[in-house]
Amino acid sequence: MDSLLCDELIQEIFQKLPSPSSSAVSLVSKRWLRLYRTSKTAISLRLCNLSISSLSSLLSHYPFLSSLSILSAADSTSAPSATSSAQIISEIRRFCSNLKALRFLAGPVSLSSLVSLSSACTHLSSLSINVYRPLNFRWVVNFPGLKSLSVSVISGEGFEIEVNSGDWEWESAEVGVGLGIQSLCLSGLRAGDWGVGWLWRNCKNLRKLQLRSCETVGDGGSFSSFVECLPGLCAVELRTCRSIADGVLMKLAENCRNLTSLLVYDGGSREGLLQFLCQQQSNLESLDLRLPLDLDNEHLVAIATNLQGLSSLRLQSCCLVTGDGLKAISTALSFRLEELALVNCDVVERESGLLATMGQNLKRLKILDLSYNEMLMDKDFISMVISCNSIKELNLRGCKWLTGAAIFALWKNCKELETIDIVQCSKIHANAVELYAINLPKLRQLKVEDDKISNILRNSASRRFVEIVV
């Protein structure tokens, strides 16, 4: 049979195999190994005492890569230096000219390496890198097809490699021309960092912005250049950016009319967030907040009053809210909300009957996440799912007090359920999983511990095309 199949047909079969199976086919024969490698378009490598010659040999076997991810070893002390990073980039440039996406987080990348990379990998549309200070983003114009850029500023001695001004081709991309970047992620900006203003002024097409562990928006903390990239933004994420969160939110409220998604984790102030919610004039559809000490009922009432187009609300570790605030949201958004997450929110456990009330209002829910509410009891959970019978995705990970009765209630009421996560639910035993969870009529994915999967369950899942994730 092997001799009857042409190379192209075998490669097409390999591309359709799930990952666990595809790695095994390479052991069949040298021909299959060669075809498996040439069929691969994406690989991820974690460096661990890998020599440059070994990397060169490895990359030479994958001539059609369009996506490459290179990470440092788990031991951070073995992360490559700037010099070895340049050597690795040189090998990528040599063997991977068809790359469309490169994620290189195995060390800092120098300016000269970026310039040389741009001349070989002309199809790059997504790039993730680490850099040292001082910051210089003028190299971005050498990647005209770049749509997604992620840059992390890491600690260490800065370096600046001189290049001829003609190599940069950046003068024509000054203010007014604009870059093609649509998604931008910046991590680790500190007070005093300069050079980011040039990026803000030229990102006229920005649709998604992520700021992580940033103390500034660059150029000494000035928001004047930052405002220029805001009008077209649809999604914003602020993670651990306490010193600038309020300022960014105010600029969004004043300048962003297209914002549909906002995430704020671990930063900001109660007053700043409340002011943003009250002034919000965009059609916000998704809101994700993890603000344990900065979110209270006043914010929830503002959400219920001003964000009635919201279809997704995710709250994590909301220690200061009460049932009154959540009830106000469930009443105001009863005909709109399709996704609700209350992750590690002790109000779910404190106030008996809260979930029942919310369930009666939120009958359009499709996605429900109650993970890591360790003291959530069967009675409260069941009283909610009796009403929310349109749920398709359910996350109960870490709900240690739920039992098989909860799974029985799902089997009886939630006939549309497609995905369920019951990992770390110690009181839900294997027999309940086998009797009820696997027999949900539309189930397609089950996340559960390996020791709760019997042979009967595994065979039944295989027949019904249910994916079991352990």
Protein backbone atom coordinates (compact mmCIF):
# COMPACT_ATOMS: atom_id res chain seq x y z
CA MET A 1 0.00 0.00 0.00
CA ASP A 2 2.85 2.37 0.86
CA SER A 3 4.31 2.02 -2.63
CA LEU A 4 0.95 2.81 -4.26
CA LEU A 5 0.55 6.17 -2.50
CA CYS A 6 2.32 9.15 -4.05
CA ASP A 7 4.23 11.64 -1.88
CA GLU A 8 1.64 14.39 -2.24
CA LEU A 9 -1.21 12.15 -1.05
CA ILE A 10 0.74 10.97 2.01
CA GLN A 11 1.62 14.57 2.88
CA GLU A 12 -2.02 15.58 2.67
CA ILE A 13 -2.97 12.71 4.99
CA PHE A 14 -0.26 13.77 7.47
CA GLN A 15 -1.63 17.33 7.56
CA LYS A 16 -5.07 16.06 8.58
CA LEU A 17 -3.83 13.88 11.45
CA PRO A 18 -4.13 15.13 15.07
CA SER A 19 -0.82 15.99 16.73
CA PRO A 20 -0.36 12.84 18.89
CA SER A 21 -0.73 10.59 15.83
CA SER A 22 1.32 12.71 13.45
CA SER A 23 4.49 12.44 15.53
CA ALA A 24 4.23 8.62 15.46
CA VAL A 25 3.99 8.30 11.67
CA SER A 26 7.53 9.63 11.31
CA LEU A 27 8.81 6.40 12.90
CA VAL A 28 7.43 4.15 10.17
CA SER A 29 10.17 4.64 7.59
CA LYS A 30 12.74 7.11 6.33
CA ARG A 31 10.36 8.06 3.54
CA TRP A 32 7.56 8.82 5.95
CA LEU A 33 9.94 10.81 8.16
CA ARG A 34 11.02 12.92 5.17
CA LEU A 35 7.44 13.45 4.02
CA TYR A 36 6.28 14.24 7.53
CA ARG A 37 8.93 16.95 7.85
CA THR A 38 8.18 18.48 4.46
CA SER A 39 4.45 18.52 5.27
CA LYS A 40 4.99 20.51 8.47
CA THR A 41 4.28 24.22 8.20
CA ALA A 42 4.61 25.07 11.90
CA ILE A 43 6.99 23.94 14.65
CA SER A 44 7.86 25.10 18.16
CA LEU A 45 11.34 24.63 19.67
CA ARG A 46 12.57 25.08 23.23
CA LEU A 47 16.34 25.55 23.30
CA CYS A 48 18.28 23.40 25.73
CA ASN A 49 22.03 23.28 25.05
CA LEU A 50 21.27 23.17 21.35
CA SER A 51 24.27 24.06 19.20
CA ILE A 52 23.95 26.32 16.18
CA SER A 53 25.01 23.46 13.89
CA SER A 54 22.26 21.24 15.36
CA LEU A 55 19.69 23.97 14.85
CA SER A 56 20.89 24.44 11.29
CA SER A 57 20.52 20.73 10.59
CA LEU A 58 17.06 20.66 12.15
CA LEU A 59 15.70 23.64 10.23
CA SER A 60 17.04 22.29 6.95
CA HIS A 61 14.61 19.35 7.24
CA TYR A 62 11.56 21.65 7.33
CA PRO A 63 11.70 23.63 4.07
CA PHE A 64 8.07 24.80 4.03
CA LEU A 65 7.72 26.37 7.48
CA SER A 66 5.36 29.32 7.66
CA SER A 67 5.25 29.53 11.47
CA LEU A 68 8.20 29.13 13.86
CA SER A 69 8.35 29.53 17.63
CA ILE A 70 11.69 29.43 19.50
CA LEU A 71 11.72 29.68 23.29
CA SER A 72 14.54 29.52 25.80
CA ALA A 73 14.97 26.49 28.04
CA ALA A 74 12.95 26.32 31.25
CA ASP A 75 16.13 27.20 33.13
CA SER A 76 16.44 30.93 32.50
CA THR A 77 20.20 30.84 33.14
CA SER A 78 20.61 29.01 29.84
CA ALA A 79 18.90 31.72 27.79
CA PRO A 80 20.99 32.78 24.79
CA SER A 81 22.98 36.01 24.84
CA ALA A 82 22.54 38.75 22.27
CA THR A 83 25.41 37.23 20.29
CA SER A 84 23.95 33.72 20.14
CA SER A 85 20.51 35.18 19.37
CA ALA A 86 22.06 36.83 16.34
CA GLN A 87 23.47 33.47 15.24
CA ILE A 88 20.06 31.81 15.61
CA ILE A 89 18.39 34.61 13.64
CA SER A 90 21.02 34.07 10.95
CA GLU A 91 20.03 30.39 10.67
CA ILE A 92 16.35 31.30 10.53
CA ARG A 93 17.15 33.76 7.78
CA ARG A 94 19.04 31.04 5.93
CA PHE A 95 16.47 28.23 6.04
CA CYS A 96 13.09 29.83 6.70
CA SER A 97 12.56 32.42 4.00
CA ASN A 98 8.85 31.50 3.70
CA LEU A 99 8.01 32.40 7.29
CA LYS A 100 4.81 34.31 7.91
CA ALA A 101 4.93 34.15 11.72
CA LEU A 102 8.02 34.19 13.96
CA ARG A 103 7.94 34.02 17.76
CA PHE A 104 11.52 34.38 18.99
CA LEU A 105 11.65 34.58 22.80
CA ALA A 106 15.01 32.91 23.36
CA GLY A 107 17.00 36.08 23.97
CA PRO A 108 17.28 39.74 22.96
CA VAL A 109 17.29 40.57 19.26
CA SER A 110 19.64 43.28 17.99
CA LEU A 111 18.81 45.96 15.45
CA SER A 112 21.20 44.53 12.87
CA SER A 113 19.59 41.07 13.21
CA LEU A 114 16.17 42.57 12.55
CA VAL A 115 17.41 44.40 9.48
CA SER A 116 19.01 41.23 8.07
CA LEU A 117 15.89 39.20 8.91
CA SER A 118 13.68 41.62 7.01
CA SER A 119 15.72 41.21 3.83
CA ALA A 120 15.23 37.39 3.83
CA CYS A 121 11.82 36.83 5.41
CA THR A 122 9.83 39.19 3.24
CA HIS A 123 6.49 37.47 3.95
CA LEU A 124 6.48 38.01 7.73
CA SER A 125 3.11 39.21 8.97
CA SER A 126 3.50 38.31 12.68
CA LEU A 127 6.59 38.90 14.85
CA SER A 128 7.20 38.44 18.61
CA ILE A 129 10.62 39.37 20.06
CA ASN A 130 12.53 40.51 23.14
CA VAL A 131 14.70 43.63 22.99
CA TYR A 132 17.05 45.57 25.26
CA ARG A 133 17.03 49.30 25.84
CA PRO A 134 17.43 51.87 24.33
CA LEU A 135 14.27 51.41 22.29
CA ASN A 136 14.24 52.01 18.57
CA PHE A 137 11.25 50.98 16.47
CA ARG A 138 12.33 52.42 13.13
CA TRP A 139 13.26 48.91 11.94
CA VAL A 140 9.54 48.13 11.67
CA VAL A 141 9.34 49.88 8.28
CA ASN A 142 11.61 47.15 6.86
CA PHE A 143 8.70 44.67 7.36
CA PRO A 144 6.02 46.14 5.08
CA GLY A 145 3.72 43.11 5.46
CA LEU A 146 3.76 43.12 9.28
CA LYS A 147 0.24 42.98 10.76
CA SER A 148 0.96 41.73 14.29
CA LEU A 149 3.89 42.88 16.47
CA SER A 150 4.76 41.89 20.05
CA VAL A 151 7.80 43.43 21.76
CA SER A 152 8.96 42.72 25.33
CA VAL A 153 11.57 45.02 26.85
CA ILE A 154 13.76 42.93 29.13
CA SER A 155 16.33 43.87 31.75
CA GLY A 156 20.00 43.89 30.85
CA GLU A 157 22.67 46.02 29.30
CA GLY A 158 21.37 47.97 26.36
CA PHE A 159 23.09 47.82 23.03
CA GLU A 160 22.83 49.89 19.91
CA ILE A 161 24.34 48.64 16.67
CA GLU A 162 25.15 51.36 14.17
CA VAL A 163 23.75 50.95 10.68
CA ASN A 164 23.80 53.23 7.70
CA SER A 165 20.80 55.51 7.44
CA GLY A 166 20.08 54.07 4.00
CA ASP A 167 19.54 50.62 5.54
CA TRP A 168 16.54 51.76 7.53
CA GLU A 169 14.36 53.25 4.82
CA TRP A 170 12.44 54.87 7.65
CA GLU A 171 12.26 58.50 6.59
CA SER A 172 9.39 57.84 4.18
CA ALA A 173 7.47 56.14 7.00
CA GLU A 174 7.51 59.14 9.32
CA VAL A 175 4.29 60.71 10.58
CA GLY A 176 1.55 60.70 7.96
CA VAL A 177 2.45 57.52 6.06
CA GLY A 178 1.46 54.94 8.65
CA LEU A 179 2.39 51.30 9.23
CA GLY A 180 0.29 48.24 8.42
CA ILE A 181 0.32 46.92 12.01
CA GLN A 182 -3.16 45.97 13.21
CA SER A 183 -2.26 44.18 16.48
CA LEU A 184 0.39 45.54 18.86
CA CYS A 185 1.60 44.17 22.20
CA LEU A 186 4.19 46.03 24.31
CA SER A 187 5.57 44.64 27.59
CA GLY A 188 7.87 46.13 30.22
CA LEU A 189 7.88 49.83 29.28
CA ARG A 190 9.35 51.94 32.07
CA ALA A 191 9.37 55.61 32.93
CA GLY A 192 12.03 57.30 30.83
CA ASP A 193 11.71 54.98 27.85
CA TRP A 194 11.78 56.99 24.64
CA GLY A 195 11.11 56.01 21.06
CA VAL A 196 7.60 54.61 21.43
CA GLY A 197 5.99 57.85 20.36
CA TRP A 198 7.21 57.28 16.81
CA LEU A 199 5.36 53.95 16.83
CA TRP A 200 2.10 55.47 18.14
CA ARG A 201 2.15 58.22 15.50
CA ASN A 202 2.61 55.74 12.66
CA CYS A 203 0.16 52.99 13.71
CA LYS A 204 -2.84 54.43 11.91
CA ASN A 205 -4.43 51.03 11.28
CA LEU A 206 -4.24 49.63 14.82
CA ARG A 207 -7.20 47.45 15.81
CA LYS A 208 -5.90 45.62 18.89
CA LEU A 209 -3.58 46.94 21.63
CA GLN A 210 -2.06 45.03 24.55
CA LEU A 211 0.02 46.65 27.30
CA ARG A 212 1.62 44.37 29.87
CA SER A 213 3.57 45.39 32.99
CA CYS A 214 4.01 48.91 31.61
CA GLU A 215 4.73 51.97 33.76
CA THR A 216 4.40 54.37 30.84
CA VAL A 217 3.14 54.68 27.30
CA GLY A 218 6.61 55.82 26.32
CA ASP A 219 8.39 59.08 25.57
CA GLY A 220 8.46 60.14 29.20
CA GLY A 221 4.88 59.17 29.90
CA SER A 222 3.34 61.65 27.46
CA PHE A 223 -0.10 60.64 26.11
CA SER A 224 0.01 63.14 23.24
CA SER A 225 1.43 60.69 20.69
CA PHE A 226 -0.45 57.73 22.17
CA VAL A 227 -3.82 59.31 21.38
CA GLU A 228 -3.08 59.20 17.64
CA CYS A 229 -3.45 55.40 17.41
CA LEU A 230 -6.72 55.16 19.36
CA PRO A 231 -9.57 56.04 16.95
CA GLY A 232 -9.59 52.69 15.12
CA LEU A 233 -9.05 50.43 18.16
CA CYS A 234 -11.54 47.59 18.63
CA ALA A 235 -9.83 45.62 21.46
CA VAL A 236 -7.62 46.74 24.37
CA GLU A 237 -5.88 44.69 27.08
CA LEU A 238 -4.19 46.22 30.14
CA ARG A 239 -2.35 43.72 32.33
CA THR A 240 -0.55 44.90 35.49
CA CYS A 241 -0.39 48.52 34.31
CA ARG A 242 -1.56 50.24 37.50
CA SER A 243 0.35 53.49 37.02
CA ILE A 244 -1.13 54.19 33.57
CA ALA A 245 -4.45 52.31 33.58
CA ASP A 246 -6.59 55.31 34.56
CA GLY A 247 -4.97 57.55 31.95
CA VAL A 248 -5.35 54.97 29.19
CA LEU A 249 -9.01 54.35 30.08
CA MET A 250 -9.78 58.07 29.99
CA LYS A 251 -8.14 58.45 26.58
CA LEU A 252 -10.14 55.46 25.34
CA ALA A 253 -13.40 57.00 26.56
CA GLU A 254 -12.58 60.30 24.84
CA ASN A 255 -11.15 59.05 21.55
CA CYS A 256 -12.33 55.50 20.86
CA ARG A 257 -15.77 54.97 19.35
CA ASN A 258 -15.12 51.50 17.89
CA LEU A 259 -14.07 49.70 21.08
CA THR A 260 -15.85 46.35 21.41
CA SER A 261 -13.55 44.45 23.81
CA LEU A 262 -11.74 45.54 27.00
CA LEU A 263 -9.64 43.54 29.47
CA VAL A 264 -8.14 45.04 32.65
CA TYR A 265 -6.16 42.86 35.04
CA ASP A 266 -4.43 43.85 38.28
CA GLY A 267 -4.24 47.60 37.99
CA GLY A 268 -6.07 50.91 38.07
CA SER A 269 -8.24 52.65 40.65
CA ARG A 270 -11.89 52.46 41.61
CA GLU A 271 -12.51 56.08 40.63
CA GLY A 272 -10.76 55.83 37.26
CA LEU A 273 -12.62 52.68 36.24
CA LEU A 274 -15.96 54.09 37.38
CA GLN A 275 -15.39 57.27 35.40
CA PHE A 276 -14.58 55.24 32.31
CA LEU A 277 -17.72 53.09 32.67
CA CYS A 278 -19.90 56.16 33.11
CA GLN A 279 -18.39 57.99 30.11
CA GLN A 280 -18.27 54.97 27.79
CA GLN A 281 -19.72 55.86 24.40
CA SER A 282 -18.59 52.85 22.35
CA ASN A 283 -20.58 49.70 21.68
CA LEU A 284 -18.61 47.54 24.12
CA GLU A 285 -19.51 43.87 23.71
CA SER A 286 -16.90 42.10 25.85
CA LEU A 287 -15.60 43.11 29.29
CA ASP A 288 -13.03 41.09 31.27
CA LEU A 289 -11.96 42.36 34.72
CA ARG A 290 -9.62 40.96 37.37
CA LEU A 291 -9.50 43.72 39.96
CA PRO A 292 -9.82 42.11 43.42
CA LEU A 293 -9.52 45.36 45.41
CA ASP A 294 -10.70 47.86 42.81
CA LEU A 295 -14.10 46.51 41.74
CA ASP A 296 -17.29 46.95 43.77
CA ASN A 297 -21.06 47.19 43.34
CA GLU A 298 -20.88 50.76 42.07
CA HIS A 299 -18.97 49.52 39.03
CA LEU A 300 -21.46 46.71 38.42
CA VAL A 301 -24.38 49.16 38.52
CA ALA A 302 -22.50 51.39 36.03
CA ILE A 303 -22.03 48.38 33.75
CA ALA A 304 -25.73 47.52 33.98
CA THR A 305 -26.69 51.13 33.25
CA ASN A 306 -24.24 52.08 30.49
CA LEU A 307 -23.16 48.85 28.77
CA GLN A 308 -26.42 47.28 27.75
CA GLY A 309 -24.90 45.99 24.50
CA LEU A 310 -22.58 43.69 26.48
CA SER A 311 -22.67 40.06 25.35
CA SER A 312 -19.67 38.77 27.35
CA LEU A 313 -18.78 39.59 30.97
CA ARG A 314 -15.88 37.97 32.79
CA LEU A 315 -15.11 38.74 36.45
CA GLN A 316 -12.25 37.15 38.38
CA SER A 317 -11.51 37.31 42.11
CA CYS A 318 -14.11 40.05 42.70
CA CYS A 319 -13.84 40.21 46.49
CA LEU A 320 -15.83 43.42 47.11
CA VAL A 321 -18.98 42.86 45.06
CA THR A 322 -22.26 41.54 46.45
CA GLY A 323 -25.27 39.79 45.03
CA ASP A 324 -27.09 43.09 44.50
CA GLY A 325 -24.58 44.22 41.88
CA LEU A 326 -24.67 40.92 40.00
CA LYS A 327 -28.48 40.82 40.11
CA ALA A 328 -28.56 44.32 38.60
CA ILE A 329 -26.40 43.10 35.72
CA SER A 330 -28.46 39.95 35.13
CA THR A 331 -31.65 42.03 34.99
CA ALA A 332 -30.25 44.73 32.68
CA LEU A 333 -28.51 42.29 30.31
CA SER A 334 -31.06 39.48 30.40
CA PHE A 335 -31.75 39.57 26.65
CA ARG A 336 -28.16 40.18 25.54
CA LEU A 337 -25.58 38.38 27.72
CA GLU A 338 -24.29 35.12 26.18
CA GLU A 339 -21.08 34.60 28.19
CA LEU A 340 -20.67 34.93 31.95
CA ALA A 341 -17.59 34.11 34.02
CA LEU A 342 -17.46 34.39 37.81
CA VAL A 343 -14.05 32.89 38.49
CA ASN A 344 -12.98 32.57 42.13
CA CYS A 345 -15.69 35.00 43.21
CA ASP A 346 -16.67 34.23 46.78
CA VAL A 347 -20.02 36.04 46.43
CA VAL A 348 -21.16 32.93 44.53
CA GLU A 349 -20.59 30.93 47.71
CA ARG A 350 -21.60 33.62 50.22
CA GLU A 351 -25.10 34.37 48.97
CA SER A 352 -27.39 31.38 48.64
CA GLY A 353 -29.95 31.80 45.87
CA LEU A 354 -27.86 34.28 43.86
CA LEU A 355 -27.15 31.87 41.01
CA ALA A 356 -30.80 30.81 40.88
CA THR A 357 -31.91 34.43 40.42
CA MET A 358 -29.27 35.11 37.79
CA GLY A 359 -30.17 31.91 35.94
CA GLN A 360 -33.82 32.91 35.72
CA ASN A 361 -32.78 36.18 34.04
CA LEU A 362 -29.93 34.95 31.84
CA LYS A 363 -31.68 32.32 29.75
CA ARG A 364 -29.65 33.22 26.63
CA LEU A 365 -26.33 32.17 28.20
CA LYS A 366 -24.18 30.03 25.91
CA ILE A 367 -20.90 30.07 27.91
CA LEU A 368 -20.69 29.79 31.70
CA ASP A 369 -17.46 29.76 33.73
CA LEU A 370 -17.73 29.15 37.48
CA SER A 371 -14.22 27.73 37.88
CA TYR A 372 -12.30 27.78 41.17
CA ASN A 373 -15.33 28.52 43.35
CA GLU A 374 -14.20 25.83 45.74
CA MET A 375 -17.22 25.99 48.08
CA LEU A 376 -19.89 26.08 45.37
CA MET A 377 -22.59 23.58 46.36
CA ASP A 378 -24.79 21.35 44.21
CA LYS A 379 -27.98 23.11 45.29
CA ASP A 380 -26.90 26.55 44.05
CA PHE A 381 -25.38 25.27 40.83
CA ILE A 382 -28.36 23.08 39.93
CA SER A 383 -30.81 25.90 40.60
CA MET A 384 -29.03 27.94 37.94
CA VAL A 385 -28.63 25.35 35.17
CA ILE A 386 -32.31 24.40 35.40
CA SER A 387 -33.03 27.82 33.86
CA CYS A 388 -29.90 28.18 31.70
CA ASN A 389 -30.59 25.24 29.44
CA SER A 390 -28.96 26.78 26.34
CA ILE A 391 -25.40 26.51 27.68
CA LYS A 392 -22.88 25.11 25.17
CA GLU A 393 -19.61 25.60 27.10
CA LEU A 394 -19.24 25.04 30.85
CA ASN A 395 -16.17 25.37 33.06
CA LEU A 396 -16.37 23.93 36.59
CA ARG A 397 -12.63 23.37 37.11
CA GLY A 398 -11.66 23.49 40.76
CA CYS A 399 -15.24 23.38 42.13
CA LYS A 400 -14.32 20.83 44.78
CA TRP A 401 -17.73 20.46 46.44
CA LEU A 402 -19.78 19.65 43.38
CA THR A 403 -20.83 16.01 43.12
CA GLY A 404 -22.34 13.65 40.58
CA ALA A 405 -25.72 15.31 41.24
CA ALA A 406 -24.45 18.37 39.35
CA ILE A 407 -23.55 16.20 36.35
CA PHE A 408 -26.96 14.51 36.49
CA ALA A 409 -28.62 17.95 36.40
CA LEU A 410 -26.60 18.85 33.31
CA TRP A 411 -27.56 15.61 31.60
CA LYS A 412 -31.22 16.26 32.40
CA ASN A 413 -31.41 19.99 31.54
CA CYS A 414 -28.53 21.09 29.28
CA LYS A 415 -29.04 19.17 26.05
CA GLU A 416 -27.01 21.72 24.03
CA LEU A 417 -23.78 21.29 26.05
CA GLU A 418 -20.74 20.73 23.80
CA THR A 419 -17.75 21.36 26.10
CA ILE A 420 -17.35 20.72 29.83
CA ASP A 421 -14.35 21.06 32.16
CA ILE A 422 -14.58 19.11 35.44
CA VAL A 423 -10.88 18.86 36.26
CA GLN A 424 -10.09 19.14 40.02
CA CYS A 425 -13.69 18.33 40.97
CA SER A 426 -12.74 15.64 43.47
CA LYS A 427 -16.32 14.75 44.51
CA ILE A 428 -17.40 14.02 40.93
CA HIS A 429 -16.43 10.37 40.63
CA ALA A 430 -15.69 8.25 37.57
CA ASN A 431 -19.09 6.53 37.57
CA ALA A 432 -20.92 9.87 37.30
CA VAL A 433 -18.69 10.90 34.40
CA GLU A 434 -19.36 7.60 32.67
CA LEU A 435 -23.11 7.56 33.26
CA TYR A 436 -24.02 11.18 32.60
CA ALA A 437 -21.26 13.38 31.17
CA ILE A 438 -20.42 11.14 28.23
CA ASN A 439 -24.11 10.72 27.41
CA LEU A 440 -24.80 14.41 26.90
CA PRO A 441 -26.28 14.30 23.37
CA LYS A 442 -24.14 17.07 21.76
CA LEU A 443 -20.95 16.71 23.80
CA ARG A 444 -17.77 17.17 21.75
CA GLN A 445 -15.08 17.83 24.36
CA LEU A 446 -14.65 16.56 27.93
CA LYS A 447 -11.86 17.78 30.21
CA VAL A 448 -11.28 15.43 33.14
CA GLU A 449 -8.48 13.64 35.01
CA ASP A 450 -7.05 10.49 33.46
CA ASP A 451 -7.91 8.33 36.48
CA LYS A 452 -11.63 9.02 35.92
CA ILE A 453 -11.59 7.65 32.38
CA SER A 454 -12.60 4.00 32.17
CA ASN A 455 -12.21 1.82 29.10
CA ILE A 456 -15.97 1.94 28.61
CA LEU A 457 -15.86 5.75 28.70
CA ARG A 458 -12.92 5.93 26.31
CA ASN A 459 -14.57 3.57 23.80
CA SER A 460 -17.87 5.41 24.00
CA ALA A 461 -16.10 8.74 23.45
CA SER A 462 -14.31 7.34 20.41
CA ARG A 463 -17.56 6.10 18.86
CA ARG A 464 -19.30 9.43 19.39
CA PHE A 465 -16.28 11.55 18.35
CA VAL A 466 -15.94 13.12 21.79
CA GLU A 467 -12.46 14.51 22.49
CA ILE A 468 -11.19 13.72 25.98
CA VAL A 469 -8.61 16.21 27.30
CA VAL A 470 -6.67 15.22 30.42
